[in-house]
Amino acid sequence: MSKLYFRYGAMNSGKSTALLQAAFNYEERGQHVLLAKPLMDRKGDRRIVSRLGVERDIDFGIAPDDDLLSIFAAERQRVQRTTGHDVACLLVDEAQFLAEGQVDDLLRIAIELGVPVLAYGIRTDFQTVAFPGSRRLLEISHSLEELKTICRCGRKAMFNARRVGDRFVFDGDQVAIDTFEDVTYESLCGQCYLDESGGLLNRGRSKIGAFSYSSGPDPDFS
């Protein structure tokens, strides 16, 4: 039986690089894959962009209200029609931005359609609150794998802290897309996160489903 895999990690843990490497491994063996990501992630537009400089176009984007099962079935038929081969794997980047029902569709793709699904994303936001898509992936995935990175102090990074300029902030919308020109994110260990937040976790509850837009550059959610 094919499985749903969730490979997660803090920012800067190489998730997009790992996804692109997995795609390369399949294709090196003559197999066909489909790459997708939520359209909510605007970094790279319709491309998956690795910090190492490797980029690749996605095969399809996923809007918040999309029927992911139907979209995948149509894309699978396209591959079968144009190549004469089936899809060997579906790879999804920035999976934390999926709706819970779309994560359920990933499980159906794996079990009912027999195509393995590799989903990559982060678990929690800058307030240590789980993204809905990540929470559902943690609940139903067959396999969970943590991709590790290190904090500035050398410990294992666990949390994603938001900066505005040179200041850490712990209040605001869960997803800040172009909110400020100088929004950045830093992966911190538990100790450094507590130090920067004044010893508090979940200082202000995230506004789930709230998004902010302006003319600044895209923040980095990889």
C-alpha atoms as a PDB file:
ATOM      1  CA  MET A   1       0.000   0.000   0.000  1.00  0.00           C
ATOM      2  CA  SER A   2       1.248   3.460  -0.855  1.00  0.00           C
ATOM      3  CA  LYS A   3       1.746   5.844   2.052  1.00  0.00           C
ATOM      4  CA  LEU A   4       1.472   9.506   3.033  1.00  0.00           C
ATOM      5  CA  TYR A   5       4.762  10.863   4.366  1.00  0.00           C
ATOM      6  CA  PHE A   6       5.153  14.135   6.268  1.00  0.00           C
ATOM      7  CA  ARG A   7       8.687  15.489   6.390  1.00  0.00           C
ATOM      8  CA  TYR A   8       8.789  18.544   8.605  1.00  0.00           C
ATOM      9  CA  GLY A   9      11.319  20.863  10.154  1.00  0.00           C
ATOM     10  CA  ALA A  10      11.977  24.394  11.279  1.00  0.00           C
ATOM     11  CA  MET A  11      12.815  27.009   8.677  1.00  0.00           C
ATOM     12  CA  ASN A  12      16.209  26.582   7.035  1.00  0.00           C
ATOM     13  CA  SER A  13      16.147  22.811   7.560  1.00  0.00           C
ATOM     14  CA  GLY A  14      16.410  22.075   3.823  1.00  0.00           C
ATOM     15  CA  LYS A  15      12.859  20.916   3.142  1.00  0.00           C
ATOM     16  CA  SER A  16      12.643  22.262  -0.408  1.00  0.00           C
ATOM     17  CA  THR A  17      16.114  20.913  -1.179  1.00  0.00           C
ATOM     18  CA  ALA A  18      15.084  17.487   0.100  1.00  0.00           C
ATOM     19  CA  LEU A  19      11.919  17.572  -2.018  1.00  0.00           C
ATOM     20  CA  LEU A  20      13.834  18.423  -5.173  1.00  0.00           C
ATOM     21  CA  GLN A  21      16.370  15.705  -4.399  1.00  0.00           C
ATOM     22  CA  ALA A  22      13.561  13.169  -3.982  1.00  0.00           C
ATOM     23  CA  ALA A  23      12.112  14.212  -7.356  1.00  0.00           C
ATOM     24  CA  PHE A  24      15.537  13.826  -8.971  1.00  0.00           C
ATOM     25  CA  ASN A  25      15.956  10.362  -7.459  1.00  0.00           C
ATOM     26  CA  TYR A  26      12.640   9.176  -8.924  1.00  0.00           C
ATOM     27  CA  GLU A  27      13.349  10.625 -12.353  1.00  0.00           C
ATOM     28  CA  GLU A  28      16.881   9.270 -12.461  1.00  0.00           C
ATOM     29  CA  ARG A  29      15.245   5.849 -12.384  1.00  0.00           C
ATOM     30  CA  GLY A  30      12.902   6.691 -15.240  1.00  0.00           C
ATOM     31  CA  GLN A  31       9.849   7.357 -13.084  1.00  0.00           C
ATOM     32  CA  HIS A  32       7.468  10.289 -13.342  1.00  0.00           C
ATOM     33  CA  VAL A  33       6.547  12.602 -10.464  1.00  0.00           C
ATOM     34  CA  LEU A  34       4.213  15.542  -9.929  1.00  0.00           C
ATOM     35  CA  LEU A  35       5.248  18.604  -7.930  1.00  0.00           C
ATOM     36  CA  ALA A  36       2.720  20.898  -6.267  1.00  0.00           C
ATOM     37  CA  LYS A  37       2.466  23.607  -3.647  1.00  0.00           C
ATOM     38  CA  PRO A  38      -0.252  25.828  -2.148  1.00  0.00           C
ATOM     39  CA  LEU A  39      -0.641  29.067  -4.095  1.00  0.00           C
ATOM     40  CA  MET A  40      -0.686  30.872  -0.770  1.00  0.00           C
ATOM     41  CA  ASP A  41       3.101  30.493  -0.806  1.00  0.00           C
ATOM     42  CA  ARG A  42       4.159  33.215  -3.226  1.00  0.00           C
ATOM     43  CA  LYS A  43       7.897  32.804  -2.844  1.00  0.00           C
ATOM     44  CA  GLY A  44       9.171  31.757  -6.242  1.00  0.00           C
ATOM     45  CA  ASP A  45       5.697  32.200  -7.755  1.00  0.00           C
ATOM     46  CA  ARG A  46       4.973  28.836  -9.438  1.00  0.00           C
ATOM     47  CA  ARG A  47       8.401  27.420  -8.688  1.00  0.00           C
ATOM     48  CA  ILE A  48       9.898  25.493  -5.809  1.00  0.00           C
ATOM     49  CA  VAL A  49      13.037  27.335  -4.766  1.00  0.00           C
ATOM     50  CA  SER A  50      15.806  25.812  -2.667  1.00  0.00           C
ATOM     51  CA  ARG A  51      18.189  27.907  -0.594  1.00  0.00           C
ATOM     52  CA  LEU A  52      21.001  26.165  -2.461  1.00  0.00           C
ATOM     53  CA  GLY A  53      19.855  27.866  -5.655  1.00  0.00           C
ATOM     54  CA  VAL A  54      18.061  24.893  -7.224  1.00  0.00           C
ATOM     55  CA  GLU A  55      14.655  25.713  -8.693  1.00  0.00           C
ATOM     56  CA  ARG A  56      11.919  23.841 -10.491  1.00  0.00           C
ATOM     57  CA  ASP A  57       8.445  24.620 -11.834  1.00  0.00           C
ATOM     58  CA  ILE A  58       5.502  23.018 -10.088  1.00  0.00           C
ATOM     59  CA  ASP A  59       3.064  20.943 -12.120  1.00  0.00           C
ATOM     60  CA  PHE A  60       0.067  22.515 -10.416  1.00  0.00           C
ATOM     61  CA  GLY A  61      -0.771  24.963  -7.658  1.00  0.00           C
ATOM     62  CA  ILE A  62      -3.348  24.430  -4.918  1.00  0.00           C
ATOM     63  CA  ALA A  63      -5.806  27.196  -4.030  1.00  0.00           C
ATOM     64  CA  PRO A  64      -7.422  27.168  -0.554  1.00  0.00           C
ATOM     65  CA  ASP A  65     -10.773  25.832  -1.805  1.00  0.00           C
ATOM     66  CA  ASP A  66      -9.459  23.428  -4.454  1.00  0.00           C
ATOM     67  CA  ASP A  67     -10.608  19.808  -4.631  1.00  0.00           C
ATOM     68  CA  LEU A  68      -7.118  18.342  -4.468  1.00  0.00           C
ATOM     69  CA  LEU A  69      -8.218  14.787  -5.224  1.00  0.00           C
ATOM     70  CA  SER A  70      -9.861  15.846  -8.495  1.00  0.00           C
ATOM     71  CA  ILE A  71      -6.928  18.034  -9.530  1.00  0.00           C
ATOM     72  CA  PHE A  72      -4.472  15.232  -8.935  1.00  0.00           C
ATOM     73  CA  ALA A  73      -6.614  12.748 -10.878  1.00  0.00           C
ATOM     74  CA  ALA A  74      -6.672  15.120 -13.872  1.00  0.00           C
ATOM     75  CA  GLU A  75      -2.917  15.697 -13.705  1.00  0.00           C
ATOM     76  CA  ARG A  76      -2.328  11.965 -13.444  1.00  0.00           C
ATOM     77  CA  GLN A  77      -4.367  11.362 -16.586  1.00  0.00           C
ATOM     78  CA  ARG A  78      -2.352  14.040 -18.375  1.00  0.00           C
ATOM     79  CA  VAL A  79       0.911  12.309 -17.492  1.00  0.00           C
ATOM     80  CA  GLN A  80      -0.450   8.926 -18.557  1.00  0.00           C
ATOM     81  CA  ARG A  81      -1.697  10.366 -21.841  1.00  0.00           C
ATOM     82  CA  THR A  82       1.471  12.257 -22.737  1.00  0.00           C
ATOM     83  CA  THR A  83       4.104   9.811 -21.480  1.00  0.00           C
ATOM     84  CA  GLY A  84       2.421   6.429 -21.443  1.00  0.00           C
ATOM     85  CA  HIS A  85       3.500   6.006 -17.814  1.00  0.00           C
ATOM     86  CA  ASP A  86       1.832   6.416 -14.458  1.00  0.00           C
ATOM     87  CA  VAL A  87       2.768   8.912 -11.736  1.00  0.00           C
ATOM     88  CA  ALA A  88       5.203   7.341  -9.297  1.00  0.00           C
ATOM     89  CA  CYS A  89       4.908   9.976  -6.565  1.00  0.00           C
ATOM     90  CA  LEU A  90       3.252  13.283  -5.650  1.00  0.00           C
ATOM     91  CA  LEU A  91       5.535  15.764  -3.880  1.00  0.00           C
ATOM     92  CA  VAL A  92       3.995  18.743  -2.067  1.00  0.00           C
ATOM     93  CA  ASP A  93       6.019  21.697  -0.774  1.00  0.00           C
ATOM     94  CA  GLU A  94       4.858  24.147   1.950  1.00  0.00           C
ATOM     95  CA  ALA A  95       2.212  21.640   3.025  1.00  0.00           C
ATOM     96  CA  GLN A  96       1.438  23.597   6.192  1.00  0.00           C
ATOM     97  CA  PHE A  97      -0.668  25.922   4.037  1.00  0.00           C
ATOM     98  CA  LEU A  98      -3.063  23.169   2.932  1.00  0.00           C
ATOM     99  CA  ALA A  99      -6.590  23.024   4.294  1.00  0.00           C
ATOM    100  CA  GLU A 100      -7.363  20.067   6.525  1.00  0.00           C
ATOM    101  CA  GLY A 101      -9.654  18.548   3.882  1.00  0.00           C
ATOM    102  CA  GLN A 102      -6.863  18.791   1.311  1.00  0.00           C
ATOM    103  CA  VAL A 103      -4.575  16.849   3.635  1.00  0.00           C
ATOM    104  CA  ASP A 104      -7.301  14.204   3.829  1.00  0.00           C
ATOM    105  CA  ASP A 105      -7.206  14.140   0.013  1.00  0.00           C
ATOM    106  CA  LEU A 106      -3.466  13.419   0.170  1.00  0.00           C
ATOM    107  CA  LEU A 107      -4.235  10.357   2.259  1.00  0.00           C
ATOM    108  CA  ARG A 108      -6.873   9.279  -0.264  1.00  0.00           C
ATOM    109  CA  ILE A 109      -4.375   9.705  -3.105  1.00  0.00           C
ATOM    110  CA  ALA A 110      -1.978   7.398  -1.305  1.00  0.00           C
ATOM    111  CA  ILE A 111      -4.493   4.764  -0.210  1.00  0.00           C
ATOM    112  CA  GLU A 112      -7.274   4.819  -2.806  1.00  0.00           C
ATOM    113  CA  LEU A 113      -5.253   5.816  -5.889  1.00  0.00           C
ATOM    114  CA  GLY A 114      -2.087   3.960  -4.905  1.00  0.00           C
ATOM    115  CA  VAL A 115       0.343   6.867  -5.391  1.00  0.00           C
ATOM    116  CA  PRO A 116       2.837   7.700  -2.611  1.00  0.00           C
ATOM    117  CA  VAL A 117       2.667  11.285  -1.332  1.00  0.00           C
ATOM    118  CA  LEU A 118       5.633  13.140   0.152  1.00  0.00           C
ATOM    119  CA  ALA A 119       4.553  16.332   1.926  1.00  0.00           C
ATOM    120  CA  TYR A 120       7.106  18.836   3.224  1.00  0.00           C
ATOM    121  CA  GLY A 121       6.431  21.711   5.611  1.00  0.00           C
ATOM    122  CA  ILE A 122       6.842  23.331   8.997  1.00  0.00           C
ATOM    123  CA  ARG A 123       4.873  22.306  12.069  1.00  0.00           C
ATOM    124  CA  THR A 124       4.260  25.561  13.890  1.00  0.00           C
ATOM    125  CA  ASP A 125       4.098  29.295  13.319  1.00  0.00           C
ATOM    126  CA  PHE A 126       6.057  32.060  15.031  1.00  0.00           C
ATOM    127  CA  GLN A 127       3.874  31.664  18.147  1.00  0.00           C
ATOM    128  CA  THR A 128       4.464  27.880  18.391  1.00  0.00           C
ATOM    129  CA  VAL A 129       0.891  27.201  17.180  1.00  0.00           C
ATOM    130  CA  ALA A 130       0.408  24.394  14.658  1.00  0.00           C
ATOM    131  CA  PHE A 131      -0.713  25.282  11.162  1.00  0.00           C
ATOM    132  CA  PRO A 132      -3.997  23.485  10.367  1.00  0.00           C
ATOM    133  CA  GLY A 133      -2.426  21.574   7.478  1.00  0.00           C
ATOM    134  CA  SER A 134       0.548  20.482   9.568  1.00  0.00           C
ATOM    135  CA  ARG A 135      -1.646  19.433  12.467  1.00  0.00           C
ATOM    136  CA  ARG A 136      -3.718  17.229  10.167  1.00  0.00           C
ATOM    137  CA  LEU A 137      -0.598  15.736   8.600  1.00  0.00           C
ATOM    138  CA  LEU A 138       0.733  14.866  12.047  1.00  0.00           C
ATOM    139  CA  GLU A 139      -2.589  13.187  12.813  1.00  0.00           C
ATOM    140  CA  ILE A 140      -2.984  10.982   9.732  1.00  0.00           C
ATOM    141  CA  SER A 141       0.368  10.500   7.968  1.00  0.00           C
ATOM    142  CA  HIS A 142       1.747   6.984   7.794  1.00  0.00           C
ATOM    143  CA  SER A 143       5.286   8.234   8.346  1.00  0.00           C
ATOM    144  CA  LEU A 144       6.703  11.297  10.117  1.00  0.00           C
ATOM    145  CA  GLU A 145      10.286  12.444   9.596  1.00  0.00           C
ATOM    146  CA  GLU A 146      11.937  15.462  11.138  1.00  0.00           C
ATOM    147  CA  LEU A 147      14.459  17.393   9.047  1.00  0.00           C
ATOM    148  CA  LYS A 148      16.842  19.024  11.491  1.00  0.00           C
ATOM    149  CA  THR A 149      18.662  22.337  11.562  1.00  0.00           C
ATOM    150  CA  ILE A 150      20.539  24.253  14.233  1.00  0.00           C
ATOM    151  CA  CYS A 151      19.888  27.406  16.212  1.00  0.00           C
ATOM    152  CA  ARG A 152      22.382  30.277  16.321  1.00  0.00           C
ATOM    153  CA  CYS A 153      23.611  28.858  19.650  1.00  0.00           C
ATOM    154  CA  GLY A 154      24.359  25.454  18.132  1.00  0.00           C
ATOM    155  CA  ARG A 155      21.430  23.574  19.667  1.00  0.00           C
ATOM    156  CA  LYS A 156      18.733  21.901  17.607  1.00  0.00           C
ATOM    157  CA  ALA A 157      16.289  24.516  16.264  1.00  0.00           C
ATOM    158  CA  MET A 158      12.629  23.798  17.038  1.00  0.00           C
ATOM    159  CA  PHE A 159      10.723  27.063  16.637  1.00  0.00           C
ATOM    160  CA  ASN A 160      10.261  29.717  13.948  1.00  0.00           C
ATOM    161  CA  ALA A 161      10.632  33.246  15.289  1.00  0.00           C
ATOM    162  CA  ARG A 162       9.449  36.309  13.372  1.00  0.00           C
ATOM    163  CA  ARG A 163      11.542  39.457  13.124  1.00  0.00           C
ATOM    164  CA  VAL A 164      10.521  42.916  12.029  1.00  0.00           C
ATOM    165  CA  GLY A 165      13.802  44.651  11.335  1.00  0.00           C
ATOM    166  CA  ASP A 166      16.098  43.801  14.227  1.00  0.00           C
ATOM    167  CA  ARG A 167      13.242  43.080  16.663  1.00  0.00           C
ATOM    168  CA  PHE A 168      11.482  39.773  17.372  1.00  0.00           C
ATOM    169  CA  VAL A 169       7.682  39.985  17.410  1.00  0.00           C
ATOM    170  CA  PHE A 170       5.247  37.507  18.946  1.00  0.00           C
ATOM    171  CA  ASP A 171       1.854  38.969  18.019  1.00  0.00           C
ATOM    172  CA  GLY A 172       0.078  39.081  14.672  1.00  0.00           C
ATOM    173  CA  ASP A 173      -1.501  36.985  11.956  1.00  0.00           C
ATOM    174  CA  GLN A 174      -0.377  33.402  11.609  1.00  0.00           C
ATOM    175  CA  VAL A 175       0.720  33.992   8.029  1.00  0.00           C
ATOM    176  CA  ALA A 176       2.235  37.388   7.247  1.00  0.00           C
ATOM    177  CA  ILE A 177       2.647  37.658   3.493  1.00  0.00           C
ATOM    178  CA  ASP A 178       4.289  40.969   2.512  1.00  0.00           C
ATOM    179  CA  THR A 179       3.137  42.546   5.758  1.00  0.00           C
ATOM    180  CA  PHE A 180       6.351  44.515   6.237  1.00  0.00           C
ATOM    181  CA  GLU A 181       9.289  45.116   3.963  1.00  0.00           C
ATOM    182  CA  ASP A 182      11.676  43.920   6.668  1.00  0.00           C
ATOM    183  CA  VAL A 183       9.893  40.765   7.887  1.00  0.00           C
ATOM    184  CA  THR A 184      12.269  37.825   8.286  1.00  0.00           C
ATOM    185  CA  TYR A 185      12.237  34.548  10.183  1.00  0.00           C
ATOM    186  CA  GLU A 186      14.846  32.797  12.293  1.00  0.00           C
ATOM    187  CA  SER A 187      14.902  29.198  13.530  1.00  0.00           C
ATOM    188  CA  LEU A 188      15.560  29.019  17.277  1.00  0.00           C
ATOM    189  CA  CYS A 189      16.001  26.319  19.875  1.00  0.00           C
ATOM    190  CA  GLY A 190      13.602  26.205  22.807  1.00  0.00           C
ATOM    191  CA  GLN A 191      15.936  28.113  25.114  1.00  0.00           C
ATOM    192  CA  CYS A 192      16.626  30.935  22.657  1.00  0.00           C
ATOM    193  CA  TYR A 193      12.925  31.212  21.827  1.00  0.00           C
ATOM    194  CA  LEU A 194      12.042  31.533  25.506  1.00  0.00           C
ATOM    195  CA  ASP A 195      14.797  34.094  25.996  1.00  0.00           C
ATOM    196  CA  GLU A 196      13.580  36.241  23.097  1.00  0.00           C
ATOM    197  CA  SER A 197       9.892  35.951  24.052  1.00  0.00           C
ATOM    198  CA  GLY A 198      10.454  36.789  27.694  1.00  0.00           C
ATOM    199  CA  GLY A 199       9.806  33.229  28.771  1.00  0.00           C
ATOM    200  CA  LEU A 200       6.412  32.943  27.139  1.00  0.00           C
ATOM    201  CA  LEU A 201       5.082  30.447  24.617  1.00  0.00           C
ATOM    202  CA  ASN A 202       2.102  31.336  22.423  1.00  0.00           C
ATOM    203  CA  ARG A 203       2.251  34.928  23.614  1.00  0.00           C
ATOM    204  CA  GLY A 204      -0.727  35.974  21.506  1.00  0.00           C
ATOM    205  CA  ARG A 205      -2.955  33.418  19.846  1.00  0.00           C
ATOM    206  CA  SER A 206      -2.504  33.384  16.089  1.00  0.00           C
ATOM    207  CA  LYS A 207      -5.375  34.550  13.943  1.00  0.00           C
ATOM    208  CA  ILE A 208      -5.916  31.294  12.109  1.00  0.00           C
ATOM    209  CA  GLY A 209      -6.788  31.883   8.488  1.00  0.00           C
ATOM    210  CA  ALA A 210      -5.874  35.583   8.616  1.00  0.00           C
ATOM    211  CA  PHE A 211      -3.472  36.948   6.057  1.00  0.00           C
ATOM    212  CA  SER A 212      -1.858  40.312   5.483  1.00  0.00           C
ATOM    213  CA  TYR A 213      -0.645  41.833   2.241  1.00  0.00           C
ATOM    214  CA  SER A 214       1.388  44.837   1.169  1.00  0.00           C
ATOM    215  CA  SER A 215       4.046  45.654  -1.386  1.00  0.00           C
ATOM    216  CA  GLY A 216       7.097  44.254   0.409  1.00  0.00           C
ATOM    217  CA  PRO A 217       9.096  41.142  -0.514  1.00  0.00           C
ATOM    218  CA  ASP A 218       7.803  37.667   0.273  1.00  0.00           C
ATOM    219  CA  PRO A 219       8.784  36.307   3.699  1.00  0.00           C
ATOM    220  CA  ASP A 220      10.609  33.008   3.612  1.00  0.00           C
ATOM    221  CA  PHE A 221       8.654  29.977   4.813  1.00  0.00           C
ATOM    222  CA  SER A 222      11.119  27.295   3.620  1.00  0.00           C
END
